Amino acid sequence: VKRKMYKQLSTFQTNDQFKNEVRQHL
């Protein structure tokens, strides 16, 4: 599918949420 559709698979609402969760993983 087109790349823009991949965002629908994201488990995060915002980029900041994604970055914060990744920081916790790390």
mmCIF file of all heavy atoms, coordinates in Angstrom:
data_MODEL
# 
_entry.id   MODEL 
# 
loop_
_atom_site.group_PDB 
_atom_site.id 
_atom_site.type_symbol 
_atom_site.label_atom_id 
_atom_site.label_alt_id 
_atom_site.label_comp_id 
_atom_site.label_asym_id 
_atom_site.label_entity_id 
_atom_site.label_seq_id 
_atom_site.pdbx_PDB_ins_code 
_atom_site.Cartn_x 
_atom_site.Cartn_y 
_atom_site.Cartn_z 
_atom_site.occupancy 
_atom_site.B_iso_or_equiv 
_atom_site.pdbx_formal_charge 
_atom_site.auth_seq_id 
_atom_site.auth_comp_id 
_atom_site.auth_asym_id 
_atom_site.auth_atom_id 
_atom_site.pdbx_PDB_model_num 
ATOM 1   N N   . VAL A 1 1  ? 0.849  -1.182 0.000  1.00 0.00 ? 1  VAL A N   1 
ATOM 2   C CA  . VAL A 1 1  ? 0.000  0.000  0.000  1.00 0.00 ? 1  VAL A CA  1 
ATOM 3   C C   . VAL A 1 1  ? 0.879  1.223  0.000  1.00 0.00 ? 1  VAL A C   1 
ATOM 4   O O   . VAL A 1 1  ? 2.076  1.150  0.241  1.00 0.00 ? 1  VAL A O   1 
ATOM 5   C CB  . VAL A 1 1  ? -0.912 0.018  1.251  1.00 0.00 ? 1  VAL A CB  1 
ATOM 6   C CG1 . VAL A 1 1  ? -1.872 -1.143 1.222  1.00 0.00 ? 1  VAL A CG1 1 
ATOM 7   C CG2 . VAL A 1 1  ? -0.084 -0.010 2.517  1.00 0.00 ? 1  VAL A CG2 1 
ATOM 8   N N   . LYS A 1 2  ? 0.257  2.385  -0.257 1.00 0.00 ? 2  LYS A N   1 
ATOM 9   C CA  . LYS A 1 2  ? 1.020  3.618  -0.235 1.00 0.00 ? 2  LYS A CA  1 
ATOM 10  C C   . LYS A 1 2  ? 1.520  3.883  1.178  1.00 0.00 ? 2  LYS A C   1 
ATOM 11  O O   . LYS A 1 2  ? 0.867  3.572  2.164  1.00 0.00 ? 2  LYS A O   1 
ATOM 12  C CB  . LYS A 1 2  ? 0.140  4.770  -0.710 1.00 0.00 ? 2  LYS A CB  1 
ATOM 13  C CG  . LYS A 1 2  ? -0.246 4.641  -2.183 1.00 0.00 ? 2  LYS A CG  1 
ATOM 14  C CD  . LYS A 1 2  ? -1.096 5.823  -2.625 1.00 0.00 ? 2  LYS A CD  1 
ATOM 15  C CE  . LYS A 1 2  ? -1.450 5.697  -4.105 1.00 0.00 ? 2  LYS A CE  1 
ATOM 16  N NZ  . LYS A 1 2  ? -2.285 6.816  -4.560 1.00 0.00 ? 2  LYS A NZ  1 
ATOM 17  N N   . ARG A 1 3  ? 2.672  4.516  1.258  1.00 0.00 ? 3  ARG A N   1 
ATOM 18  C CA  . ARG A 1 3  ? 3.317  4.693  2.547  1.00 0.00 ? 3  ARG A CA  1 
ATOM 19  C C   . ARG A 1 3  ? 2.454  5.441  3.553  1.00 0.00 ? 3  ARG A C   1 
ATOM 20  O O   . ARG A 1 3  ? 2.504  5.168  4.749  1.00 0.00 ? 3  ARG A O   1 
ATOM 21  C CB  . ARG A 1 3  ? 4.658  5.419  2.369  1.00 0.00 ? 3  ARG A CB  1 
ATOM 22  C CG  . ARG A 1 3  ? 5.724  4.517  1.785  1.00 0.00 ? 3  ARG A CG  1 
ATOM 23  C CD  . ARG A 1 3  ? 7.030  5.261  1.596  1.00 0.00 ? 3  ARG A CD  1 
ATOM 24  N NE  . ARG A 1 3  ? 8.062  4.327  1.163  1.00 0.00 ? 3  ARG A NE  1 
ATOM 25  C CZ  . ARG A 1 3  ? 8.912  3.717  1.966  1.00 0.00 ? 3  ARG A CZ  1 
ATOM 26  N NH1 . ARG A 1 3  ? 8.836  3.928  3.255  1.00 0.00 ? 3  ARG A NH1 1 
ATOM 27  N NH2 . ARG A 1 3  ? 9.814  2.892  1.495  1.00 0.00 ? 3  ARG A NH2 1 
ATOM 28  N N   . LYS A 1 4  ? 1.632  6.368  3.105  1.00 0.00 ? 4  LYS A N   1 
ATOM 29  C CA  . LYS A 1 4  ? 0.830  7.150  4.049  1.00 0.00 ? 4  LYS A CA  1 
ATOM 30  C C   . LYS A 1 4  ? -0.162 6.265  4.796  1.00 0.00 ? 4  LYS A C   1 
ATOM 31  O O   . LYS A 1 4  ? -0.614 6.605  5.889  1.00 0.00 ? 4  LYS A O   1 
ATOM 32  C CB  . LYS A 1 4  ? 0.106  8.280  3.332  1.00 0.00 ? 4  LYS A CB  1 
ATOM 33  C CG  . LYS A 1 4  ? -0.933 7.816  2.323  1.00 0.00 ? 4  LYS A CG  1 
ATOM 34  C CD  . LYS A 1 4  ? -1.598 9.012  1.645  1.00 0.00 ? 4  LYS A CD  1 
ATOM 35  C CE  . LYS A 1 4  ? -2.652 8.560  0.624  1.00 0.00 ? 4  LYS A CE  1 
ATOM 36  N NZ  . LYS A 1 4  ? -3.278 9.727  -0.024 1.00 0.00 ? 4  LYS A NZ  1 
ATOM 37  N N   . MET A 1 5  ? -0.501 5.112  4.209  1.00 0.00 ? 5  MET A N   1 
ATOM 38  C CA  . MET A 1 5  ? -1.461 4.225  4.859  1.00 0.00 ? 5  MET A CA  1 
ATOM 39  C C   . MET A 1 5  ? -0.836 3.468  6.030  1.00 0.00 ? 5  MET A C   1 
ATOM 40  O O   . MET A 1 5  ? -1.536 2.969  6.903  1.00 0.00 ? 5  MET A O   1 
ATOM 41  C CB  . MET A 1 5  ? -2.033 3.233  3.846  1.00 0.00 ? 5  MET A CB  1 
ATOM 42  C CG  . MET A 1 5  ? -2.851 3.874  2.754  1.00 0.00 ? 5  MET A CG  1 
ATOM 43  S SD  . MET A 1 5  ? -3.587 2.639  1.653  1.00 0.00 ? 5  MET A SD  1 
ATOM 44  C CE  . MET A 1 5  ? -4.697 1.793  2.769  1.00 0.00 ? 5  MET A CE  1 
ATOM 45  N N   . TYR A 1 6  ? 0.496  3.386  6.058  1.00 0.00 ? 6  TYR A N   1 
ATOM 46  C CA  . TYR A 1 6  ? 1.147  2.646  7.123  1.00 0.00 ? 6  TYR A CA  1 
ATOM 47  C C   . TYR A 1 6  ? 0.932  3.296  8.483  1.00 0.00 ? 6  TYR A C   1 
ATOM 48  O O   . TYR A 1 6  ? 0.971  2.626  9.514  1.00 0.00 ? 6  TYR A O   1 
ATOM 49  C CB  . TYR A 1 6  ? 2.648  2.517  6.852  1.00 0.00 ? 6  TYR A CB  1 
ATOM 50  C CG  . TYR A 1 6  ? 2.966  1.507  5.773  1.00 0.00 ? 6  TYR A CG  1 
ATOM 51  C CD1 . TYR A 1 6  ? 3.542  1.900  4.574  1.00 0.00 ? 6  TYR A CD1 1 
ATOM 52  C CD2 . TYR A 1 6  ? 2.699  0.161  5.958  1.00 0.00 ? 6  TYR A CD2 1 
ATOM 53  C CE1 . TYR A 1 6  ? 3.836  0.975  3.585  1.00 0.00 ? 6  TYR A CE1 1 
ATOM 54  C CE2 . TYR A 1 6  ? 2.988  -0.780 4.989  1.00 0.00 ? 6  TYR A CE2 1 
ATOM 55  C CZ  . TYR A 1 6  ? 3.561  -0.363 3.799  1.00 0.00 ? 6  TYR A CZ  1 
ATOM 56  O OH  . TYR A 1 6  ? 3.845  -1.272 2.826  1.00 0.00 ? 6  TYR A OH  1 
ATOM 57  N N   . LYS A 1 7  ? 0.705  4.608  8.506  1.00 0.00 ? 7  LYS A N   1 
ATOM 58  C CA  . LYS A 1 7  ? 0.495  5.289  9.782  1.00 0.00 ? 7  LYS A CA  1 
ATOM 59  C C   . LYS A 1 7  ? -0.749 4.773  10.495 1.00 0.00 ? 7  LYS A C   1 
ATOM 60  O O   . LYS A 1 7  ? -0.870 4.889  11.709 1.00 0.00 ? 7  LYS A O   1 
ATOM 61  C CB  . LYS A 1 7  ? 0.388  6.803  9.574  1.00 0.00 ? 7  LYS A CB  1 
ATOM 62  C CG  . LYS A 1 7  ? 1.736  7.502  9.562  1.00 0.00 ? 7  LYS A CG  1 
ATOM 63  C CD  . LYS A 1 7  ? 1.581  9.002  9.653  1.00 0.00 ? 7  LYS A CD  1 
ATOM 64  C CE  . LYS A 1 7  ? 2.960  9.672  9.714  1.00 0.00 ? 7  LYS A CE  1 
ATOM 65  N NZ  . LYS A 1 7  ? 2.843  11.138 9.821  1.00 0.00 ? 7  LYS A NZ  1 
ATOM 66  N N   . GLN A 1 8  ? -1.672 4.211  9.729  1.00 0.00 ? 8  GLN A N   1 
ATOM 67  C CA  . GLN A 1 8  ? -2.871 3.659  10.352 1.00 0.00 ? 8  GLN A CA  1 
ATOM 68  C C   . GLN A 1 8  ? -2.539 2.483  11.251 1.00 0.00 ? 8  GLN A C   1 
ATOM 69  O O   . GLN A 1 8  ? -3.327 2.099  12.114 1.00 0.00 ? 8  GLN A O   1 
ATOM 70  C CB  . GLN A 1 8  ? -3.865 3.223  9.271  1.00 0.00 ? 8  GLN A CB  1 
ATOM 71  C CG  . GLN A 1 8  ? -4.381 4.355  8.395  1.00 0.00 ? 8  GLN A CG  1 
ATOM 72  C CD  . GLN A 1 8  ? -5.354 3.837  7.349  1.00 0.00 ? 8  GLN A CD  1 
ATOM 73  O OE1 . GLN A 1 8  ? -6.368 3.244  7.684  1.00 0.00 ? 8  GLN A OE1 1 
ATOM 74  N NE2 . GLN A 1 8  ? -5.034 4.040  6.094  1.00 0.00 ? 8  GLN A NE2 1 
ATOM 75  N N   . LEU A 1 9  ? -1.379 1.892  11.044 1.00 0.00 ? 9  LEU A N   1 
ATOM 76  C CA  . LEU A 1 9  ? -0.968 0.739  11.842 1.00 0.00 ? 9  LEU A CA  1 
ATOM 77  C C   . LEU A 1 9  ? -0.253 1.156  13.120 1.00 0.00 ? 9  LEU A C   1 
ATOM 78  O O   . LEU A 1 9  ? 0.031  0.320  13.974 1.00 0.00 ? 9  LEU A O   1 
ATOM 79  C CB  . LEU A 1 9  ? -0.035 -0.152 11.020 1.00 0.00 ? 9  LEU A CB  1 
ATOM 80  C CG  . LEU A 1 9  ? -0.586 -0.643 9.679  1.00 0.00 ? 9  LEU A CG  1 
ATOM 81  C CD1 . LEU A 1 9  ? 0.493  -1.384 8.910  1.00 0.00 ? 9  LEU A CD1 1 
ATOM 82  C CD2 . LEU A 1 9  ? -1.789 -1.536 9.904  1.00 0.00 ? 9  LEU A CD2 1 
ATOM 83  N N   . SER A 1 10 ? 0.037  2.436  13.255 1.00 0.00 ? 10 SER A N   1 
ATOM 84  C CA  . SER A 1 10 ? 0.787  2.914  14.418 1.00 0.00 ? 10 SER A CA  1 
ATOM 85  C C   . SER A 1 10 ? -0.026 2.748  15.697 1.00 0.00 ? 10 SER A C   1 
ATOM 86  O O   . SER A 1 10 ? -1.245 2.925  15.718 1.00 0.00 ? 10 SER A O   1 
ATOM 87  C CB  . SER A 1 10 ? 1.161  4.387  14.241 1.00 0.00 ? 10 SER A CB  1 
ATOM 88  O OG  . SER A 1 10 ? 1.789  4.882  15.416 1.00 0.00 ? 10 SER A OG  1 
ATOM 89  N N   . THR A 1 11 ? 0.655  2.399  16.776 1.00 0.00 ? 11 THR A N   1 
ATOM 90  C CA  . THR A 1 11 ? 0.002  2.276  18.083 1.00 0.00 ? 11 THR A CA  1 
ATOM 91  C C   . THR A 1 11 ? 0.100  3.573  18.876 1.00 0.00 ? 11 THR A C   1 
ATOM 92  O O   . THR A 1 11 ? -0.279 3.617  20.048 1.00 0.00 ? 11 THR A O   1 
ATOM 93  C CB  . THR A 1 11 ? 0.650  1.135  18.891 1.00 0.00 ? 11 THR A CB  1 
ATOM 94  O OG1 . THR A 1 11 ? 2.049  1.396  19.039 1.00 0.00 ? 11 THR A OG1 1 
ATOM 95  C CG2 . THR A 1 11 ? 0.456  -0.198 18.190 1.00 0.00 ? 11 THR A CG2 1 
ATOM 96  N N   . PHE A 1 12 ? 0.620  4.622  18.243 1.00 0.00 ? 12 PHE A N   1 
ATOM 97  C CA  . PHE A 1 12 ? 0.811  5.907  18.926 1.00 0.00 ? 12 PHE A CA  1 
ATOM 98  C C   . PHE A 1 12 ? -0.020 6.999  18.240 1.00 0.00 ? 12 PHE A C   1 
ATOM 99  O O   . PHE A 1 12 ? -0.173 7.011  17.028 1.00 0.00 ? 12 PHE A O   1 
ATOM 100 C CB  . PHE A 1 12 ? 2.290  6.302  18.920 1.00 0.00 ? 12 PHE A CB  1 
ATOM 101 C CG  . PHE A 1 12 ? 3.187  5.212  19.437 1.00 0.00 ? 12 PHE A CG  1 
ATOM 102 C CD1 . PHE A 1 12 ? 3.893  4.396  18.560 1.00 0.00 ? 12 PHE A CD1 1 
ATOM 103 C CD2 . PHE A 1 12 ? 3.322  4.987  20.798 1.00 0.00 ? 12 PHE A CD2 1 
ATOM 104 C CE1 . PHE A 1 12 ? 4.716  3.376  19.034 1.00 0.00 ? 12 PHE A CE1 1 
ATOM 105 C CE2 . PHE A 1 12 ? 4.132  3.978  21.279 1.00 0.00 ? 12 PHE A CE2 1 
ATOM 106 C CZ  . PHE A 1 12 ? 4.832  3.162  20.393 1.00 0.00 ? 12 PHE A CZ  1 
ATOM 107 N N   . GLN A 1 13 ? -0.513 7.923  19.053 1.00 0.00 ? 13 GLN A N   1 
ATOM 108 C CA  . GLN A 1 13 ? -1.334 9.007  18.527 1.00 0.00 ? 13 GLN A CA  1 
ATOM 109 C C   . GLN A 1 13 ? -0.494 10.159 17.985 1.00 0.00 ? 13 GLN A C   1 
ATOM 110 O O   . GLN A 1 13 ? -0.895 10.853 17.058 1.00 0.00 ? 13 GLN A O   1 
ATOM 111 C CB  . GLN A 1 13 ? -2.268 9.528  19.622 1.00 0.00 ? 13 GLN A CB  1 
ATOM 112 C CG  . GLN A 1 13 ? -3.248 8.476  20.130 1.00 0.00 ? 13 GLN A CG  1 
ATOM 113 C CD  . GLN A 1 13 ? -4.153 7.936  19.035 1.00 0.00 ? 13 GLN A CD  1 
ATOM 114 O OE1 . GLN A 1 13 ? -4.691 8.710  18.235 1.00 0.00 ? 13 GLN A OE1 1 
ATOM 115 N NE2 . GLN A 1 13 ? -4.313 6.624  18.990 1.00 0.00 ? 13 GLN A NE2 1 
ATOM 116 N N   . THR A 1 14 ? 0.669  10.377 18.585 1.00 0.00 ? 14 THR A N   1 
ATOM 117 C CA  . THR A 1 14 ? 1.530  11.488 18.172 1.00 0.00 ? 14 THR A CA  1 
ATOM 118 C C   . THR A 1 14 ? 2.977  11.025 18.105 1.00 0.00 ? 14 THR A C   1 
ATOM 119 O O   . THR A 1 14 ? 3.350  9.995  18.689 1.00 0.00 ? 14 THR A O   1 
ATOM 120 C CB  . THR A 1 14 ? 1.436  12.672 19.161 1.00 0.00 ? 14 THR A CB  1 
ATOM 121 O OG1 . THR A 1 14 ? 1.973  12.250 20.437 1.00 0.00 ? 14 THR A OG1 1 
ATOM 122 C CG2 . THR A 1 14 ? -0.006 13.131 19.332 1.00 0.00 ? 14 THR A CG2 1 
ATOM 123 N N   . ASN A 1 15 ? 3.810  11.812 17.422 1.00 0.00 ? 15 ASN A N   1 
ATOM 124 C CA  . ASN A 1 15 ? 5.234  11.509 17.361 1.00 0.00 ? 15 ASN A CA  1 
ATOM 125 C C   . ASN A 1 15 ? 5.883  11.614 18.739 1.00 0.00 ? 15 ASN A C   1 
ATOM 126 O O   . ASN A 1 15 ? 6.778  10.837 19.072 1.00 0.00 ? 15 ASN A O   1 
ATOM 127 C CB  . ASN A 1 15 ? 5.942  12.460 16.385 1.00 0.00 ? 15 ASN A CB  1 
ATOM 128 C CG  . ASN A 1 15 ? 5.594  12.155 14.941 1.00 0.00 ? 15 ASN A CG  1 
ATOM 129 O OD1 . ASN A 1 15 ? 5.314  11.006 14.592 1.00 0.00 ? 15 ASN A OD1 1 
ATOM 130 N ND2 . ASN A 1 15 ? 5.594  13.179 14.091 1.00 0.00 ? 15 ASN A ND2 1 
ATOM 131 N N   . ASP A 1 16 ? 5.429  12.578 19.533 1.00 0.00 ? 16 ASP A N   1 
ATOM 132 C CA  . ASP A 1 16 ? 5.997  12.744 20.877 1.00 0.00 ? 16 ASP A CA  1 
ATOM 133 C C   . ASP A 1 16 ? 5.703  11.530 21.745 1.00 0.00 ? 16 ASP A C   1 
ATOM 134 O O   . ASP A 1 16 ? 6.560  11.086 22.522 1.00 0.00 ? 16 ASP A O   1 
ATOM 135 C CB  . ASP A 1 16 ? 5.426  14.006 21.542 1.00 0.00 ? 16 ASP A CB  1 
ATOM 136 C CG  . ASP A 1 16 ? 6.022  15.283 20.972 1.00 0.00 ? 16 ASP A CG  1 
ATOM 137 O OD1 . ASP A 1 16 ? 7.112  15.201 20.356 1.00 0.00 ? 16 ASP A OD1 1 
ATOM 138 O OD2 . ASP A 1 16 ? 5.411  16.353 21.136 1.00 0.00 ? 16 ASP A OD2 1 
ATOM 139 N N   . GLN A 1 17 ? 4.503  10.985 21.614 1.00 0.00 ? 17 GLN A N   1 
ATOM 140 C CA  . GLN A 1 17 ? 4.163  9.787  22.384 1.00 0.00 ? 17 GLN A CA  1 
ATOM 141 C C   . GLN A 1 17 ? 5.069  8.629  21.978 1.00 0.00 ? 17 GLN A C   1 
ATOM 142 O O   . GLN A 1 17 ? 5.564  7.889  22.833 1.00 0.00 ? 17 GLN A O   1 
ATOM 143 C CB  . GLN A 1 17 ? 2.704  9.403  22.161 1.00 0.00 ? 17 GLN A CB  1 
ATOM 144 C CG  . GLN A 1 17 ? 2.280  8.193  22.995 1.00 0.00 ? 17 GLN A CG  1 
ATOM 145 C CD  . GLN A 1 17 ? 0.930  7.626  22.581 1.00 0.00 ? 17 GLN A CD  1 
ATOM 146 O OE1 . GLN A 1 17 ? 0.335  8.053  21.593 1.00 0.00 ? 17 GLN A OE1 1 
ATOM 147 N NE2 . GLN A 1 17 ? 0.437  6.654  23.329 1.00 0.00 ? 17 GLN A NE2 1 
ATOM 148 N N   . PHE A 1 18 ? 5.269  8.490  20.674 1.00 0.00 ? 18 PHE A N   1 
ATOM 149 C CA  . PHE A 1 18 ? 6.155  7.426  20.181 1.00 0.00 ? 18 PHE A CA  1 
ATOM 150 C C   . PHE A 1 18 ? 7.567  7.586  20.748 1.00 0.00 ? 18 PHE A C   1 
ATOM 151 O O   . PHE A 1 18 ? 8.153  6.634  21.274 1.00 0.00 ? 18 PHE A O   1 
ATOM 152 C CB  . PHE A 1 18 ? 6.199  7.466  18.648 1.00 0.00 ? 18 PHE A CB  1 
ATOM 153 C CG  . PHE A 1 18 ? 7.355  6.710  18.051 1.00 0.00 ? 18 PHE A CG  1 
ATOM 154 C CD1 . PHE A 1 18 ? 7.517  5.354  18.293 1.00 0.00 ? 18 PHE A CD1 1 
ATOM 155 C CD2 . PHE A 1 18 ? 8.295  7.359  17.252 1.00 0.00 ? 18 PHE A CD2 1 
ATOM 156 C CE1 . PHE A 1 18 ? 8.588  4.653  17.742 1.00 0.00 ? 18 PHE A CE1 1 
ATOM 157 C CE2 . PHE A 1 18 ? 9.361  6.669  16.705 1.00 0.00 ? 18 PHE A CE2 1 
ATOM 158 C CZ  . PHE A 1 18 ? 9.508  5.316  16.949 1.00 0.00 ? 18 PHE A CZ  1 
ATOM 159 N N   . LYS A 1 19 ? 8.105  8.796  20.697 1.00 0.00 ? 19 LYS A N   1 
ATOM 160 C CA  . LYS A 1 19 ? 9.467  9.023  21.184 1.00 0.00 ? 19 LYS A CA  1 
ATOM 161 C C   . LYS A 1 19 ? 9.581  8.763  22.683 1.00 0.00 ? 19 LYS A C   1 
ATOM 162 O O   . LYS A 1 19 ? 10.567 8.190  23.152 1.00 0.00 ? 19 LYS A O   1 
ATOM 163 C CB  . LYS A 1 19 ? 9.895  10.449 20.850 1.00 0.00 ? 19 LYS A CB  1 
ATOM 164 C CG  . LYS A 1 19 ? 10.069 10.689 19.355 1.00 0.00 ? 19 LYS A CG  1 
ATOM 165 C CD  . LYS A 1 19 ? 10.382 12.142 19.042 1.00 0.00 ? 19 LYS A CD  1 
ATOM 166 C CE  . LYS A 1 19 ? 10.484 12.374 17.541 1.00 0.00 ? 19 LYS A CE  1 
ATOM 167 N NZ  . LYS A 1 19 ? 10.730 13.792 17.211 1.00 0.00 ? 19 LYS A NZ  1 
ATOM 168 N N   . ASN A 1 20 ? 8.574  9.167  23.445 1.00 0.00 ? 20 ASN A N   1 
ATOM 169 C CA  . ASN A 1 20 ? 8.606  8.953  24.891 1.00 0.00 ? 20 ASN A CA  1 
ATOM 170 C C   . ASN A 1 20 ? 8.567  7.467  25.242 1.00 0.00 ? 20 ASN A C   1 
ATOM 171 O O   . ASN A 1 20 ? 9.282  7.005  26.146 1.00 0.00 ? 20 ASN A O   1 
ATOM 172 C CB  . ASN A 1 20 ? 7.433  9.670  25.558 1.00 0.00 ? 20 ASN A CB  1 
ATOM 173 C CG  . ASN A 1 20 ? 7.598  11.178 25.568 1.00 0.00 ? 20 ASN A CG  1 
ATOM 174 O OD1 . ASN A 1 20 ? 8.728  11.689 25.528 1.00 0.00 ? 20 ASN A OD1 1 
ATOM 175 N ND2 . ASN A 1 20 ? 6.491  11.914 25.615 1.00 0.00 ? 20 ASN A ND2 1 
ATOM 176 N N   . GLU A 1 21 ? 7.731  6.725  24.524 1.00 0.00 ? 21 GLU A N   1 
ATOM 177 C CA  . GLU A 1 21 ? 7.630  5.283  24.791 1.00 0.00 ? 21 GLU A CA  1 
ATOM 178 C C   . GLU A 1 21 ? 8.924  4.567  24.413 1.00 0.00 ? 21 GLU A C   1 
ATOM 179 O O   . GLU A 1 21 ? 9.376  3.659  25.119 1.00 0.00 ? 21 GLU A O   1 
ATOM 180 C CB  . GLU A 1 21 ? 6.450  4.687  24.022 1.00 0.00 ? 21 GLU A CB  1 
ATOM 181 C CG  . GLU A 1 21 ? 5.088  5.197  24.449 1.00 0.00 ? 21 GLU A CG  1 
ATOM 182 C CD  . GLU A 1 21 ? 4.685  4.692  25.833 1.00 0.00 ? 21 GLU A CD  1 
ATOM 183 O OE1 . GLU A 1 21 ? 5.074  3.573  26.204 1.00 0.00 ? 21 GLU A OE1 1 
ATOM 184 O OE2 . GLU A 1 21 ? 3.981  5.429  26.547 1.00 0.00 ? 21 GLU A OE2 1 
ATOM 185 N N   . VAL A 1 22 ? 9.537  4.977  23.306 1.00 0.00 ? 22 VAL A N   1 
ATOM 186 C CA  . VAL A 1 22 ? 10.802 4.372  22.886 1.00 0.00 ? 22 VAL A CA  1 
ATOM 187 C C   . VAL A 1 22 ? 11.894 4.662  23.912 1.00 0.00 ? 22 VAL A C   1 
ATOM 188 O O   . VAL A 1 22 ? 12.721 3.804  24.219 1.00 0.00 ? 22 VAL A O   1 
ATOM 189 C CB  . VAL A 1 22 ? 11.216 4.892  21.490 1.00 0.00 ? 22 VAL A CB  1 
ATOM 190 C CG1 . VAL A 1 22 ? 12.675 4.544  21.203 1.00 0.00 ? 22 VAL A CG1 1 
ATOM 191 C CG2 . VAL A 1 22 ? 10.327 4.275  20.418 1.00 0.00 ? 22 VAL A CG2 1 
ATOM 192 N N   . ARG A 1 23 ? 11.890 5.883  24.451 1.00 0.00 ? 23 ARG A N   1 
ATOM 193 C CA  . ARG A 1 23 ? 12.879 6.217  25.491 1.00 0.00 ? 23 ARG A CA  1 
ATOM 194 C C   . ARG A 1 23 ? 12.747 5.285  26.694 1.00 0.00 ? 23 ARG A C   1 
ATOM 195 O O   . ARG A 1 23 ? 13.744 4.882  27.296 1.00 0.00 ? 23 ARG A O   1 
ATOM 196 C CB  . ARG A 1 23 ? 12.706 7.671  25.927 1.00 0.00 ? 23 ARG A CB  1 
ATOM 197 C CG  . ARG A 1 23 ? 13.145 8.695  24.899 1.00 0.00 ? 23 ARG A CG  1 
ATOM 198 C CD  . ARG A 1 23 ? 13.187 10.097 25.491 1.00 0.00 ? 23 ARG A CD  1 
ATOM 199 N NE  . ARG A 1 23 ? 13.418 11.098 24.467 1.00 0.00 ? 23 ARG A NE  1 
ATOM 200 C CZ  . ARG A 1 23 ? 12.479 11.867 23.942 1.00 0.00 ? 23 ARG A CZ  1 
ATOM 201 N NH1 . ARG A 1 23 ? 11.216 11.751 24.357 1.00 0.00 ? 23 ARG A NH1 1 
ATOM 202 N NH2 . ARG A 1 23 ? 12.759 12.754 23.007 1.00 0.00 ? 23 ARG A NH2 1 
ATOM 203 N N   . GLN A 1 24 ? 11.518 4.944  27.053 1.00 0.00 ? 24 GLN A N   1 
ATOM 204 C CA  . GLN A 1 24 ? 11.318 4.029  28.177 1.00 0.00 ? 24 GLN A CA  1 
ATOM 205 C C   . GLN A 1 24 ? 11.824 2.633  27.844 1.00 0.00 ? 24 GLN A C   1 
ATOM 206 O O   . GLN A 1 24 ? 12.461 1.972  28.672 1.00 0.00 ? 24 GLN A O   1 
ATOM 207 C CB  . GLN A 1 24 ? 9.833  3.977  28.539 1.00 0.00 ? 24 GLN A CB  1 
ATOM 208 C CG  . GLN A 1 24 ? 9.305  5.267  29.137 1.00 0.00 ? 24 GLN A CG  1 
ATOM 209 C CD  . GLN A 1 24 ? 7.876  5.114  29.618 1.00 0.00 ? 24 GLN A CD  1 
ATOM 210 O OE1 . GLN A 1 24 ? 7.592  4.346  30.535 1.00 0.00 ? 24 GLN A OE1 1 
ATOM 211 N NE2 . GLN A 1 24 ? 6.956  5.830  28.977 1.00 0.00 ? 24 GLN A NE2 1 
ATOM 212 N N   . HIS A 1 25 ? 11.556 2.176  26.626 1.00 0.00 ? 25 HIS A N   1 
ATOM 213 C CA  . HIS A 1 25 ? 12.089 0.878  26.198 1.00 0.00 ? 25 HIS A CA  1 
ATOM 214 C C   . HIS A 1 25 ? 13.612 0.865  26.318 1.00 0.00 ? 25 HIS A C   1 
ATOM 215 O O   . HIS A 1 25 ? 14.198 -0.081 26.857 1.00 0.00 ? 25 HIS A O   1 
ATOM 216 C CB  . HIS A 1 25 ? 11.702 0.603  24.743 1.00 0.00 ? 25 HIS A CB  1 
ATOM 217 C CG  . HIS A 1 25 ? 10.303 0.095  24.562 1.00 0.00 ? 25 HIS A CG  1 
ATOM 218 N ND1 . HIS A 1 25 ? 9.813  -0.987 25.245 1.00 0.00 ? 25 HIS A ND1 1 
ATOM 219 C CD2 . HIS A 1 25 ? 9.291  0.539  23.765 1.00 0.00 ? 25 HIS A CD2 1 
ATOM 220 C CE1 . HIS A 1 25 ? 8.564  -1.219 24.871 1.00 0.00 ? 25 HIS A CE1 1 
ATOM 221 N NE2 . HIS A 1 25 ? 8.215  -0.309 23.985 1.00 0.00 ? 25 HIS A NE2 1 
ATOM 222 N N   . LEU A 1 26 ? 14.244 1.907  25.810 1.00 0.00 ? 26 LEU A N   1 
ATOM 223 C CA  . LEU A 1 26 ? 15.700 1.976  25.819 1.00 0.00 ? 26 LEU A CA  1 
ATOM 224 C C   . LEU A 1 26 ? 16.244 2.073  27.235 1.00 0.00 ? 26 LEU A C   1 
ATOM 225 O O   . LEU A 1 26 ? 17.295 1.499  27.559 1.00 0.00 ? 26 LEU A O   1 
ATOM 226 C CB  . LEU A 1 26 ? 16.181 3.173  24.990 1.00 0.00 ? 26 LEU A CB  1 
ATOM 227 C CG  . LEU A 1 26 ? 15.878 3.108  23.483 1.00 0.00 ? 26 LEU A CG  1 
ATOM 228 C CD1 . LEU A 1 26 ? 16.355 4.381  22.795 1.00 0.00 ? 26 LEU A CD1 1 
ATOM 229 C CD2 . LEU A 1 26 ? 16.543 1.889  22.852 1.00 0.00 ? 26 LEU A CD2 1 
# 
